[in-house]
Structure formats: structure tokens, C-alpha cells
Amino acid sequence: MAKDTILVIDDNRTFCNYLCSILESKGFHTRNAYSFKNAVELVRNAHVEDVVLCDLQLGDNKTGNDLLKWMNDNDIRNPFIIMTQYDQAVTAVEAMKLGAVNYIPKELLFDKLYPQIEEIIRHRELRKKKTGNIQERKSKAFQEVYHRVFLCAPIDISVLILGANGTGKEHVAHSIWAKSNRSNKPYIRVDCGILSKELAASEVFG
């Protein structure tokens, strides 16, 4: 049974087609594009859950980061993995700041790619399971919140979530946990509103 669809974008047609065949052998559907222009159309018509796998260099002075910027400007937030022949840390940082899930040098692609895709799918299914009836939206405001969730979830830090009653603070907290490396640990809610000041400090901080 086929799995998710992977959108493969690379200006090297031979490599692009080869990569598609490898992914299809793993059970994925694939669609491809060989240029920035065709990539825009491919992504514009993609399903929200399709994973985008894009080369850094797309020809015509365009890059994978340019495509990612275009996606952000058009509120398209598909999981995005960028690949390159060059191990450039600066480009990696830029891609991650723009919202890329990961950055994989082509030299390591066939070792790293399949586990990365499986991880994206695992987190997505876990998020669906744990968010109940709350549905993700395509609005710029909603996607900006989720972009921030993706940025802070992998980091071992405390996060303060502010907002009026009913705006979804608990949902955001739950989403951070579901996307974090701690998602296999218990998620514990504590309603500090029912605790005294002294008991709240003891309950939360020990």
C-alpha cells in the first residue's frame, strides 16, 4: 500500500528521476519538477501533507531557499527538506530559519532521507492523534503560531504561552510537546487556578 507523496525538485533530471524511483521502491508516491517555475506549480497544487524534497541549486539563479520563501509568502507550509552537494552551514541555518524541517547533504542523502521522512510522518500522525477535533488552518496567523511551535519544540527550554481565554494556549502547549523529543514521555496538565500560591510553587517546581 502506497504511503505519502514526496515532491522531488532538482534541476538534475537524471538524479531527480533516480531519487523518485528510490522513494517509490519504499512505497511512496512521487511527483517531480526540474526548475523553480515548475516547482512553484507543483507545490501550489500539492496536498497540505505532501513532503517537499528540494535541491539547493535550481538553476536560473534560483535556489531551494527561494522556493521556501515563496511558500512562506503564500502561506504554504508543507514539510520541507533541502538537499545540496555542498555542506554549507550558513545555508543550512538560513533554510531552518525559513522553516525547513531539515538540511541533508547529498553525500548523506540515502542514509538520512528515509528516516527523516518517517519521522515527519510519525510526528504528524501523533499530532493528529493528540489534538482531537482541533484542525490546522492555512491562515497566516495560524501558520505563524505553528512555525514558532516547530522552532521551539526540539529545544530543551521552558516556553511561556500568553493569550486571552479561549485562544488555544493549551492546544499550543500540547503541540509543542507532541513535536518535541519528549513526546514519548507523559504530558501532564496542572490547573494552577485551583491551587494556592504556595501549593502551586510546590506542585510545579517541586
Foldseek 3Di string as FASTA:
>chain_A
DADEEEEEEALPVVVSVVVQVVVVVVRYHYDYYNALVVVLVVQVPDDLAYEYEYEQDRPPPDGPLNSLVVCLVVLRQYAYEYEYCDPDVVVQVSSVVSPHLGYYYPVCCVVPPVVSVVLSVQLVVLLPVPLPPDDQDSDNVSVVLVSVLSVPLAPPDDDDDDDDPPPQSVVSVVSSCSSYPNVVPDDDDDDCVVPDPVVSCVVPVD
